[in-house]
Amino acid sequence: MVGVCVIAAFAVWWNSDRAGARRVTDASADVATEVDEVAGFTKIATTEHYFVVVNVLPAERMYTPEELAAEHPTVGEAVLRGPAAPVVPSARHVEAHIYDRRTGLPTTAVTPAITLVDHRSGARMSIDPTLMQDVIIGAADVHFGNNIVVAGDRDITLTVEVGADKVVLSGHLD
């Protein structure tokens, strides 16, 4: 369990540092997006079987294995399984890090359902649970999620379901 706490503390530190970014650029499309000064949040929850760390950050470029080999990026996400949404205006990167409570290790043998509810508009959006990891950190940062368009200055609720296990986390996007 100590390993889970260390990993969770690292995830909170890493993402809180990245959340302060003011400009996100998708070099492949020359799209630059201004994001709010505080772009998102990090929340932690447990279920009977899992320890879940959820991050909402500025949108991140997601690279296929072929793009990684050709471009050698130093920022972004390596797609391991699933579709990659592009970086577009008002996009956020939603991540769900799922750890097995028994072993403390990240699990990739599941396919979570991730849903975001925007309390202002009432919109309910399913997020493709793409399996990915940071291009530099690698396997220590394996997680599920994707980029999704969500405007700032609103309250949201994220639901992450893995089989019968479910976490519901709410927060505010500035």
N, C-alpha and C. Protein backbone atom coordinates (compact mmCIF):
# COMPACT_ATOMS: atom_id res chain seq x y z
N MET A 1 0.82 -1.20 0.00
CA MET A 1 0.00 0.00 0.00
C MET A 1 0.86 1.26 0.00
N VAL A 2 2.09 1.15 0.53
CA VAL A 2 2.98 2.30 0.52
C VAL A 2 3.28 2.72 -0.91
N GLY A 3 3.44 1.73 -1.81
CA GLY A 3 3.70 2.03 -3.22
C GLY A 3 2.59 2.85 -3.84
N VAL A 4 1.35 2.51 -3.51
CA VAL A 4 0.20 3.27 -4.04
C VAL A 4 0.26 4.70 -3.56
N CYS A 5 0.58 4.90 -2.28
CA CYS A 5 0.64 6.26 -1.74
C CYS A 5 1.73 7.07 -2.41
N VAL A 6 2.88 6.43 -2.66
CA VAL A 6 3.98 7.13 -3.33
C VAL A 6 3.57 7.49 -4.75
N ILE A 7 2.96 6.54 -5.46
CA ILE A 7 2.52 6.81 -6.83
C ILE A 7 1.47 7.91 -6.85
N ALA A 8 0.50 7.84 -5.94
CA ALA A 8 -0.55 8.86 -5.90
C ALA A 8 0.04 10.23 -5.58
N ALA A 9 0.97 10.29 -4.63
CA ALA A 9 1.59 11.57 -4.30
C ALA A 9 2.34 12.12 -5.50
N PHE A 10 3.03 11.24 -6.23
CA PHE A 10 3.73 11.67 -7.42
C PHE A 10 2.75 12.20 -8.47
N ALA A 11 1.63 11.47 -8.66
CA ALA A 11 0.62 11.90 -9.64
C ALA A 11 0.06 13.27 -9.28
N VAL A 12 -0.21 13.50 -8.01
CA VAL A 12 -0.73 14.79 -7.58
C VAL A 12 0.30 15.88 -7.83
N TRP A 13 1.57 15.63 -7.43
CA TRP A 13 2.63 16.62 -7.66
C TRP A 13 2.82 16.90 -9.14
N TRP A 14 2.97 15.84 -9.93
CA TRP A 14 3.25 15.97 -11.37
C TRP A 14 2.14 16.77 -12.05
N ASN A 15 0.91 16.42 -11.77
CA ASN A 15 -0.21 17.06 -12.46
C ASN A 15 -0.52 18.44 -11.92
N SER A 16 -0.25 18.70 -10.65
CA SER A 16 -0.47 20.05 -10.14
C SER A 16 0.53 21.00 -10.76
N ASP A 17 1.74 20.51 -11.03
CA ASP A 17 2.75 21.33 -11.70
C ASP A 17 2.33 21.62 -13.14
N ARG A 18 1.80 20.62 -13.82
CA ARG A 18 1.40 20.78 -15.22
C ARG A 18 0.11 21.57 -15.35
N ALA A 19 -0.74 21.56 -14.34
CA ALA A 19 -2.05 22.23 -14.43
C ALA A 19 -1.93 23.74 -14.52
N GLY A 20 -0.79 24.30 -14.15
CA GLY A 20 -0.62 25.74 -14.21
C GLY A 20 -0.29 26.28 -15.59
N ALA A 21 -0.18 25.39 -16.56
CA ALA A 21 0.19 25.81 -17.91
C ALA A 21 -0.87 26.77 -18.48
N ARG A 22 -0.42 27.79 -19.22
CA ARG A 22 -1.36 28.75 -19.80
C ARG A 22 -1.58 28.51 -21.29
N ARG A 23 -0.70 27.81 -21.95
CA ARG A 23 -0.85 27.63 -23.39
C ARG A 23 -0.55 26.19 -23.75
N VAL A 24 -1.46 25.57 -24.48
CA VAL A 24 -1.28 24.20 -24.93
C VAL A 24 -1.24 24.26 -26.45
N THR A 25 -0.25 23.61 -27.03
CA THR A 25 -0.12 23.66 -28.48
C THR A 25 -0.09 22.26 -29.06
N ASP A 26 -0.87 22.05 -30.09
CA ASP A 26 -0.82 20.81 -30.85
C ASP A 26 -0.01 21.14 -32.10
N ALA A 27 1.27 20.76 -32.09
CA ALA A 27 2.18 21.12 -33.17
C ALA A 27 1.75 20.54 -34.51
N SER A 28 1.09 19.38 -34.51
CA SER A 28 0.72 18.75 -35.77
C SER A 28 -0.34 19.56 -36.51
N ALA A 29 -1.15 20.30 -35.80
CA ALA A 29 -2.22 21.06 -36.44
C ALA A 29 -2.03 22.56 -36.27
N ASP A 30 -0.92 22.96 -35.65
CA ASP A 30 -0.67 24.37 -35.35
C ASP A 30 -1.85 25.03 -34.65
N VAL A 31 -2.46 24.31 -33.72
CA VAL A 31 -3.57 24.83 -32.94
C VAL A 31 -3.05 25.27 -31.59
N ALA A 32 -3.30 26.50 -31.21
CA ALA A 32 -2.90 26.99 -29.88
C ALA A 32 -4.18 27.33 -29.13
N THR A 33 -4.27 26.88 -27.92
CA THR A 33 -5.46 27.09 -27.12
C THR A 33 -5.11 27.75 -25.81
N GLU A 34 -5.73 28.87 -25.53
CA GLU A 34 -5.56 29.48 -24.22
C GLU A 34 -6.44 28.73 -23.24
N VAL A 35 -5.88 28.34 -22.12
CA VAL A 35 -6.67 27.69 -21.08
C VAL A 35 -6.63 28.54 -19.84
N ASP A 36 -7.56 28.30 -18.95
CA ASP A 36 -7.62 29.07 -17.71
C ASP A 36 -6.35 28.87 -16.90
N GLU A 37 -6.02 29.84 -16.06
CA GLU A 37 -4.81 29.77 -15.27
C GLU A 37 -4.79 28.51 -14.40
N VAL A 38 -5.91 28.15 -13.84
CA VAL A 38 -6.03 26.89 -13.12
C VAL A 38 -6.88 26.01 -14.02
N ALA A 39 -6.23 25.09 -14.69
CA ALA A 39 -6.90 24.35 -15.75
C ALA A 39 -7.75 23.19 -15.26
N GLY A 40 -7.52 22.69 -14.07
CA GLY A 40 -8.28 21.52 -13.67
C GLY A 40 -8.06 21.15 -12.23
N PHE A 41 -8.12 19.84 -11.96
CA PHE A 41 -7.98 19.38 -10.58
C PHE A 41 -7.54 17.94 -10.56
N THR A 42 -7.15 17.49 -9.36
CA THR A 42 -6.81 16.10 -9.09
C THR A 42 -7.64 15.64 -7.91
N LYS A 43 -8.27 14.47 -8.05
CA LYS A 43 -9.09 13.89 -6.98
C LYS A 43 -8.70 12.42 -6.81
N ILE A 44 -8.81 11.92 -5.57
CA ILE A 44 -8.45 10.55 -5.26
C ILE A 44 -9.61 9.87 -4.56
N ALA A 45 -9.88 8.60 -4.93
CA ALA A 45 -10.96 7.85 -4.29
C ALA A 45 -10.60 6.36 -4.27
N THR A 46 -11.26 5.62 -3.41
CA THR A 46 -11.05 4.18 -3.36
C THR A 46 -12.38 3.46 -3.49
N THR A 47 -12.30 2.24 -3.99
CA THR A 47 -13.45 1.34 -4.02
C THR A 47 -13.00 0.06 -3.31
N GLU A 48 -13.83 -0.94 -3.31
CA GLU A 48 -13.45 -2.20 -2.68
C GLU A 48 -12.19 -2.79 -3.32
N HIS A 49 -12.05 -2.64 -4.65
CA HIS A 49 -10.94 -3.28 -5.36
C HIS A 49 -9.88 -2.33 -5.92
N TYR A 50 -10.20 -1.04 -6.03
CA TYR A 50 -9.31 -0.11 -6.72
C TYR A 50 -9.04 1.18 -5.95
N PHE A 51 -7.91 1.75 -6.24
CA PHE A 51 -7.50 3.07 -5.79
C PHE A 51 -7.47 3.90 -7.08
N VAL A 52 -8.22 5.00 -7.16
CA VAL A 52 -8.38 5.76 -8.41
C VAL A 52 -7.91 7.20 -8.21
N VAL A 53 -7.03 7.66 -9.10
CA VAL A 53 -6.59 9.05 -9.12
C VAL A 53 -7.10 9.65 -10.43
N VAL A 54 -7.93 10.69 -10.33
CA VAL A 54 -8.50 11.35 -11.51
C VAL A 54 -7.88 12.73 -11.64
N ASN A 55 -7.43 13.06 -12.85
CA ASN A 55 -6.87 14.38 -13.15
C ASN A 55 -7.64 15.00 -14.30
N VAL A 56 -7.88 16.30 -14.21
CA VAL A 56 -8.41 17.07 -15.33
C VAL A 56 -7.38 18.16 -15.59
N LEU A 57 -6.81 18.15 -16.79
CA LEU A 57 -5.68 19.00 -17.15
C LEU A 57 -5.93 19.69 -18.49
N PRO A 58 -5.02 20.57 -18.90
CA PRO A 58 -5.12 21.08 -20.28
C PRO A 58 -5.00 19.91 -21.26
N ALA A 59 -5.59 20.04 -22.42
CA ALA A 59 -5.52 18.97 -23.43
C ALA A 59 -4.07 18.63 -23.75
N GLU A 60 -3.82 17.36 -24.03
CA GLU A 60 -2.48 16.90 -24.36
C GLU A 60 -2.47 16.19 -25.69
N ARG A 61 -1.39 16.36 -26.44
CA ARG A 61 -1.22 15.64 -27.70
C ARG A 61 -1.02 14.17 -27.38
N MET A 62 -1.69 13.31 -28.11
CA MET A 62 -1.62 11.87 -27.92
C MET A 62 -1.00 11.26 -29.18
N TYR A 63 0.04 10.46 -28.99
CA TYR A 63 0.83 9.92 -30.11
C TYR A 63 0.62 8.42 -30.28
N THR A 64 0.42 8.01 -31.53
CA THR A 64 0.38 6.58 -31.86
C THR A 64 1.82 6.05 -31.81
N PRO A 65 2.00 4.73 -31.78
CA PRO A 65 3.36 4.19 -31.80
C PRO A 65 4.16 4.66 -33.02
N GLU A 66 3.50 4.78 -34.15
CA GLU A 66 4.18 5.24 -35.37
C GLU A 66 4.63 6.70 -35.25
N GLU A 67 3.77 7.53 -34.68
CA GLU A 67 4.13 8.95 -34.48
C GLU A 67 5.27 9.08 -33.46
N LEU A 68 5.25 8.26 -32.41
CA LEU A 68 6.33 8.29 -31.42
C LEU A 68 7.66 7.97 -32.08
N ALA A 69 7.68 6.93 -32.91
CA ALA A 69 8.91 6.52 -33.57
C ALA A 69 9.42 7.58 -34.54
N ALA A 70 8.51 8.27 -35.20
CA ALA A 70 8.91 9.27 -36.20
C ALA A 70 9.25 10.62 -35.59
N GLU A 71 8.53 11.02 -34.55
CA GLU A 71 8.65 12.39 -34.03
C GLU A 71 9.48 12.52 -32.74
N HIS A 72 9.62 11.47 -31.96
CA HIS A 72 10.37 11.50 -30.69
C HIS A 72 9.96 12.69 -29.80
N PRO A 73 8.67 12.80 -29.46
CA PRO A 73 8.21 13.94 -28.66
C PRO A 73 8.74 13.87 -27.22
N THR A 74 8.82 15.02 -26.59
CA THR A 74 9.23 15.10 -25.18
C THR A 74 8.08 15.53 -24.28
N VAL A 75 6.91 15.77 -24.86
CA VAL A 75 5.72 16.14 -24.11
C VAL A 75 4.54 15.44 -24.75
N GLY A 76 3.64 14.93 -23.93
CA GLY A 76 2.42 14.32 -24.46
C GLY A 76 2.23 12.91 -23.96
N GLU A 77 1.30 12.21 -24.58
CA GLU A 77 0.90 10.88 -24.17
C GLU A 77 1.14 9.86 -25.26
N ALA A 78 1.65 8.70 -24.88
CA ALA A 78 1.82 7.57 -25.80
C ALA A 78 0.57 6.70 -25.71
N VAL A 79 -0.12 6.54 -26.82
CA VAL A 79 -1.34 5.73 -26.86
C VAL A 79 -0.93 4.25 -26.89
N LEU A 80 -1.45 3.48 -25.94
CA LEU A 80 -1.18 2.05 -25.88
C LEU A 80 -2.35 1.24 -26.44
N ARG A 81 -3.59 1.75 -26.25
CA ARG A 81 -4.78 1.06 -26.74
C ARG A 81 -5.93 2.05 -26.80
N GLY A 82 -6.57 2.16 -27.97
CA GLY A 82 -7.76 2.98 -28.09
C GLY A 82 -7.54 4.22 -28.94
N PRO A 83 -8.61 5.00 -29.14
CA PRO A 83 -8.57 6.19 -29.99
C PRO A 83 -7.98 7.40 -29.26
N ALA A 84 -7.41 8.31 -30.02
CA ALA A 84 -6.82 9.54 -29.47
C ALA A 84 -7.57 10.75 -30.01
N ALA A 85 -8.14 11.55 -29.11
CA ALA A 85 -8.83 12.77 -29.50
C ALA A 85 -7.80 13.89 -29.67
N PRO A 86 -8.00 14.77 -30.65
CA PRO A 86 -7.03 15.85 -30.88
C PRO A 86 -7.13 16.97 -29.85
N VAL A 87 -6.12 17.83 -29.86
CA VAL A 87 -6.13 19.04 -29.05
C VAL A 87 -6.90 20.09 -29.85
N VAL A 88 -8.00 20.58 -29.26
CA VAL A 88 -8.83 21.60 -29.91
C VAL A 88 -9.15 22.66 -28.86
N PRO A 89 -9.65 23.83 -29.28
CA PRO A 89 -10.00 24.87 -28.30
C PRO A 89 -10.97 24.34 -27.24
N SER A 90 -10.75 24.76 -26.01
CA SER A 90 -11.55 24.39 -24.83
C SER A 90 -11.45 22.91 -24.46
N ALA A 91 -10.48 22.20 -24.99
CA ALA A 91 -10.34 20.78 -24.64
C ALA A 91 -9.57 20.62 -23.34
N ARG A 92 -9.94 19.60 -22.60
CA ARG A 92 -9.25 19.20 -21.36
C ARG A 92 -8.82 17.75 -21.52
N HIS A 93 -7.80 17.37 -20.79
CA HIS A 93 -7.34 15.99 -20.79
C HIS A 93 -7.81 15.37 -19.48
N VAL A 94 -8.67 14.36 -19.58
CA VAL A 94 -9.21 13.68 -18.41
C VAL A 94 -8.48 12.34 -18.28
N GLU A 95 -7.90 12.11 -17.09
CA GLU A 95 -7.15 10.89 -16.82
C GLU A 95 -7.74 10.17 -15.62
N ALA A 96 -7.78 8.84 -15.70
CA ALA A 96 -8.15 8.00 -14.56
C ALA A 96 -7.05 6.96 -14.38
N HIS A 97 -6.25 7.14 -13.32
CA HIS A 97 -5.20 6.18 -12.97
C HIS A 97 -5.86 5.17 -12.04
N ILE A 98 -5.82 3.89 -12.42
CA ILE A 98 -6.52 2.85 -11.65
C ILE A 98 -5.50 1.85 -11.12
N TYR A 99 -5.43 1.73 -9.79
CA TYR A 99 -4.49 0.84 -9.11
C TYR A 99 -5.25 -0.27 -8.40
N ASP A 100 -4.73 -1.46 -8.45
CA ASP A 100 -5.28 -2.60 -7.73
C ASP A 100 -4.99 -2.40 -6.24
N ARG A 101 -6.01 -2.37 -5.40
CA ARG A 101 -5.79 -2.13 -3.97
C ARG A 101 -5.02 -3.26 -3.30
N ARG A 102 -5.15 -4.47 -3.81
CA ARG A 102 -4.47 -5.61 -3.21
C ARG A 102 -2.96 -5.55 -3.45
N THR A 103 -2.55 -5.19 -4.69
CA THR A 103 -1.13 -5.19 -5.05
C THR A 103 -0.50 -3.81 -5.01
N GLY A 104 -1.32 -2.76 -5.16
CA GLY A 104 -0.80 -1.40 -5.25
C GLY A 104 -0.29 -1.04 -6.63
N LEU A 105 -0.42 -1.94 -7.58
CA LEU A 105 0.10 -1.72 -8.93
C LEU A 105 -0.98 -1.19 -9.86
N PRO A 106 -0.58 -0.41 -10.88
CA PRO A 106 -1.56 0.05 -11.85
C PRO A 106 -2.12 -1.14 -12.62
N THR A 107 -3.39 -1.07 -12.97
CA THR A 107 -4.00 -2.15 -13.73
C THR A 107 -4.33 -1.66 -15.13
N THR A 108 -4.05 -2.51 -16.11
CA THR A 108 -4.36 -2.19 -17.49
C THR A 108 -5.27 -3.25 -18.10
N ALA A 109 -5.61 -4.27 -17.32
CA ALA A 109 -6.42 -5.38 -17.81
C ALA A 109 -7.91 -5.11 -17.71
N VAL A 110 -8.28 -3.86 -17.46
CA VAL A 110 -9.69 -3.48 -17.34
C VAL A 110 -10.02 -2.47 -18.44
N THR A 111 -11.30 -2.23 -18.62
CA THR A 111 -11.74 -1.16 -19.51
C THR A 111 -12.78 -0.36 -18.73
N PRO A 112 -12.36 0.76 -18.14
CA PRO A 112 -13.30 1.55 -17.34
C PRO A 112 -14.29 2.32 -18.23
N ALA A 113 -15.41 2.64 -17.64
CA ALA A 113 -16.35 3.58 -18.27
C ALA A 113 -16.13 4.92 -17.56
N ILE A 114 -15.86 5.97 -18.33
CA ILE A 114 -15.60 7.30 -17.76
C ILE A 114 -16.65 8.26 -18.32
N THR A 115 -17.37 8.92 -17.41
CA THR A 115 -18.43 9.84 -17.81
C THR A 115 -18.22 11.19 -17.13
N LEU A 116 -18.43 12.26 -17.87
CA LEU A 116 -18.32 13.61 -17.34
C LEU A 116 -19.68 14.28 -17.46
N VAL A 117 -20.12 14.92 -16.38
CA VAL A 117 -21.36 15.70 -16.40
C VAL A 117 -21.00 17.15 -16.14
N ASP A 118 -21.43 18.03 -17.04
CA ASP A 118 -21.25 19.47 -16.92
C ASP A 118 -22.50 20.01 -16.23
N HIS A 119 -22.35 20.51 -15.00
CA HIS A 119 -23.52 20.93 -14.22
C HIS A 119 -24.19 22.18 -14.78
N ARG A 120 -23.45 23.03 -15.47
CA ARG A 120 -24.07 24.24 -16.02
C ARG A 120 -24.98 23.91 -17.20
N SER A 121 -24.45 23.12 -18.14
CA SER A 121 -25.24 22.82 -19.34
C SER A 121 -26.10 21.57 -19.18
N GLY A 122 -25.76 20.73 -18.22
CA GLY A 122 -26.48 19.46 -18.05
C GLY A 122 -25.97 18.37 -18.99
N ALA A 123 -24.98 18.71 -19.82
CA ALA A 123 -24.46 17.73 -20.77
C ALA A 123 -23.79 16.57 -20.05
N ARG A 124 -24.04 15.38 -20.55
CA ARG A 124 -23.42 14.15 -20.04
C ARG A 124 -22.61 13.57 -21.18
N MET A 125 -21.29 13.43 -20.98
CA MET A 125 -20.40 13.00 -22.05
C MET A 125 -19.62 11.76 -21.64
N SER A 126 -19.60 10.76 -22.51
CA SER A 126 -18.76 9.59 -22.30
C SER A 126 -17.38 9.90 -22.85
N ILE A 127 -16.36 9.49 -22.11
CA ILE A 127 -14.98 9.72 -22.52
C ILE A 127 -14.39 8.39 -22.94
N ASP A 128 -13.86 8.32 -24.17
CA ASP A 128 -13.22 7.09 -24.63
C ASP A 128 -12.09 6.73 -23.67
N PRO A 129 -12.12 5.50 -23.10
CA PRO A 129 -11.11 5.11 -22.12
C PRO A 129 -9.82 4.61 -22.79
N THR A 130 -9.15 5.51 -23.49
CA THR A 130 -7.90 5.15 -24.15
C THR A 130 -6.84 4.86 -23.09
N LEU A 131 -6.11 3.76 -23.28
CA LEU A 131 -5.01 3.42 -22.38
C LEU A 131 -3.77 4.13 -22.89
N MET A 132 -3.08 4.87 -22.01
CA MET A 132 -1.93 5.65 -22.44
C MET A 132 -0.95 5.83 -21.29
N GLN A 133 0.19 6.43 -21.61
CA GLN A 133 1.18 6.79 -20.60
C GLN A 133 1.96 7.99 -21.10
N ASP A 134 2.52 8.75 -20.17
CA ASP A 134 3.32 9.91 -20.52
C ASP A 134 4.51 9.46 -21.37
N VAL A 135 4.86 10.25 -22.40
CA VAL A 135 5.94 9.85 -23.31
C VAL A 135 7.30 9.80 -22.63
N ILE A 136 7.50 10.51 -21.55
CA ILE A 136 8.77 10.50 -20.82
C ILE A 136 8.72 9.57 -19.61
N ILE A 137 7.70 9.69 -18.79
CA ILE A 137 7.60 8.90 -17.56
C ILE A 137 7.42 7.42 -17.88
N GLY A 138 6.63 7.11 -18.90
CA GLY A 138 6.42 5.72 -19.29
C GLY A 138 5.43 4.98 -18.43
N ALA A 139 5.72 3.69 -18.19
CA ALA A 139 4.77 2.78 -17.53
C ALA A 139 4.36 3.22 -16.13
N ALA A 140 5.16 4.00 -15.45
CA ALA A 140 4.78 4.49 -14.11
C ALA A 140 3.59 5.44 -14.19
N ASP A 141 3.27 5.93 -15.38
CA ASP A 141 2.17 6.88 -15.56
C ASP A 141 1.03 6.28 -16.39
N VAL A 142 0.90 4.97 -16.43
CA VAL A 142 -0.14 4.35 -17.24
C VAL A 142 -1.52 4.73 -16.69
N HIS A 143 -2.44 5.11 -17.59
CA HIS A 143 -3.77 5.55 -17.19
C HIS A 143 -4.74 5.48 -18.36
N PHE A 144 -6.01 5.70 -18.05
CA PHE A 144 -7.08 5.72 -19.05
C PHE A 144 -7.61 7.13 -19.17
N GLY A 145 -8.15 7.49 -20.33
CA GLY A 145 -8.78 8.79 -20.50
C GLY A 145 -8.67 9.27 -21.93
N ASN A 146 -8.87 10.59 -22.10
CA ASN A 146 -8.82 11.18 -23.43
C ASN A 146 -9.00 12.68 -23.31
N ASN A 147 -8.87 13.37 -24.43
CA ASN A 147 -9.18 14.80 -24.50
C ASN A 147 -10.68 14.93 -24.76
N ILE A 148 -11.29 15.95 -24.14
CA ILE A 148 -12.72 16.20 -24.32
C ILE A 148 -12.94 17.71 -24.17
N VAL A 149 -13.87 18.25 -24.93
CA VAL A 149 -14.16 19.68 -24.87
C VAL A 149 -15.04 19.97 -23.66
N VAL A 150 -14.51 20.80 -22.74
CA VAL A 150 -15.24 21.25 -21.56
C VAL A 150 -14.81 22.68 -21.29
N ALA A 151 -15.73 23.61 -21.31
CA ALA A 151 -15.41 25.01 -21.06
C ALA A 151 -15.05 25.21 -19.58
N GLY A 152 -14.41 26.34 -19.31
CA GLY A 152 -14.05 26.68 -17.94
C GLY A 152 -15.20 27.31 -17.17
N ASP A 153 -14.92 27.65 -15.93
CA ASP A 153 -15.86 28.26 -15.00
C ASP A 153 -17.14 27.45 -14.88
N ARG A 154 -16.96 26.18 -14.54
CA ARG A 154 -18.13 25.33 -14.32
C ARG A 154 -17.79 24.18 -13.40
N ASP A 155 -18.82 23.66 -12.79
CA ASP A 155 -18.68 22.49 -11.94
C ASP A 155 -18.94 21.25 -12.78
N ILE A 156 -18.13 20.22 -12.53
CA ILE A 156 -18.30 18.96 -13.25
C ILE A 156 -18.28 17.80 -12.26
N THR A 157 -18.82 16.68 -12.71
CA THR A 157 -18.73 15.44 -11.97
C THR A 157 -18.20 14.39 -12.92
N LEU A 158 -17.19 13.65 -12.47
CA LEU A 158 -16.62 12.55 -13.23
C LEU A 158 -16.98 11.24 -12.53
N THR A 159 -17.45 10.28 -13.31
CA THR A 159 -17.75 8.96 -12.80
C THR A 159 -16.83 7.97 -13.51
N VAL A 160 -16.14 7.15 -12.73
CA VAL A 160 -15.27 6.11 -13.28
C VAL A 160 -15.81 4.78 -12.75
N GLU A 161 -16.18 3.90 -13.68
CA GLU A 161 -16.71 2.59 -13.32
C GLU A 161 -15.81 1.49 -13.87
N VAL A 162 -15.45 0.56 -13.00
CA VAL A 162 -14.68 -0.61 -13.39
C VAL A 162 -15.46 -1.81 -12.88
N GLY A 163 -16.19 -2.46 -13.77
CA GLY A 163 -17.08 -3.54 -13.33
C GLY A 163 -18.09 -2.99 -12.35
N ALA A 164 -18.21 -3.63 -11.18
CA ALA A 164 -19.16 -3.18 -10.16
C ALA A 164 -18.61 -2.05 -9.30
N ASP A 165 -17.33 -1.73 -9.44
CA ASP A 165 -16.71 -0.65 -8.65
C ASP A 165 -16.95 0.69 -9.34
N LYS A 166 -17.26 1.71 -8.54
CA LYS A 166 -17.61 3.02 -9.10
C LYS A 166 -17.14 4.12 -8.17
N VAL A 167 -16.50 5.16 -8.76
CA VAL A 167 -16.17 6.37 -8.00
C VAL A 167 -16.85 7.54 -8.69
N VAL A 168 -17.32 8.49 -7.89
CA VAL A 168 -17.95 9.71 -8.39
C VAL A 168 -17.24 10.86 -7.73
N LEU A 169 -16.60 11.71 -8.55
CA LEU A 169 -15.78 12.80 -8.05
C LEU A 169 -16.23 14.11 -8.70
N SER A 170 -16.40 15.13 -7.89
CA SER A 170 -16.82 16.44 -8.41
C SER A 170 -15.76 17.48 -8.17
N GLY A 171 -15.75 18.48 -9.04
CA GLY A 171 -14.80 19.57 -8.89
C GLY A 171 -15.20 20.76 -9.75
N HIS A 172 -14.41 21.82 -9.64
CA HIS A 172 -14.69 23.04 -10.39
C HIS A 172 -13.54 23.32 -11.36
N LEU A 173 -13.89 23.68 -12.58
CA LEU A 173 -12.90 24.11 -13.57
C LEU A 173 -12.96 25.62 -13.65
N ASP A 174 -11.87 26.27 -13.38
CA ASP A 174 -11.81 27.74 -13.49
C ASP A 174 -11.77 28.16 -14.93
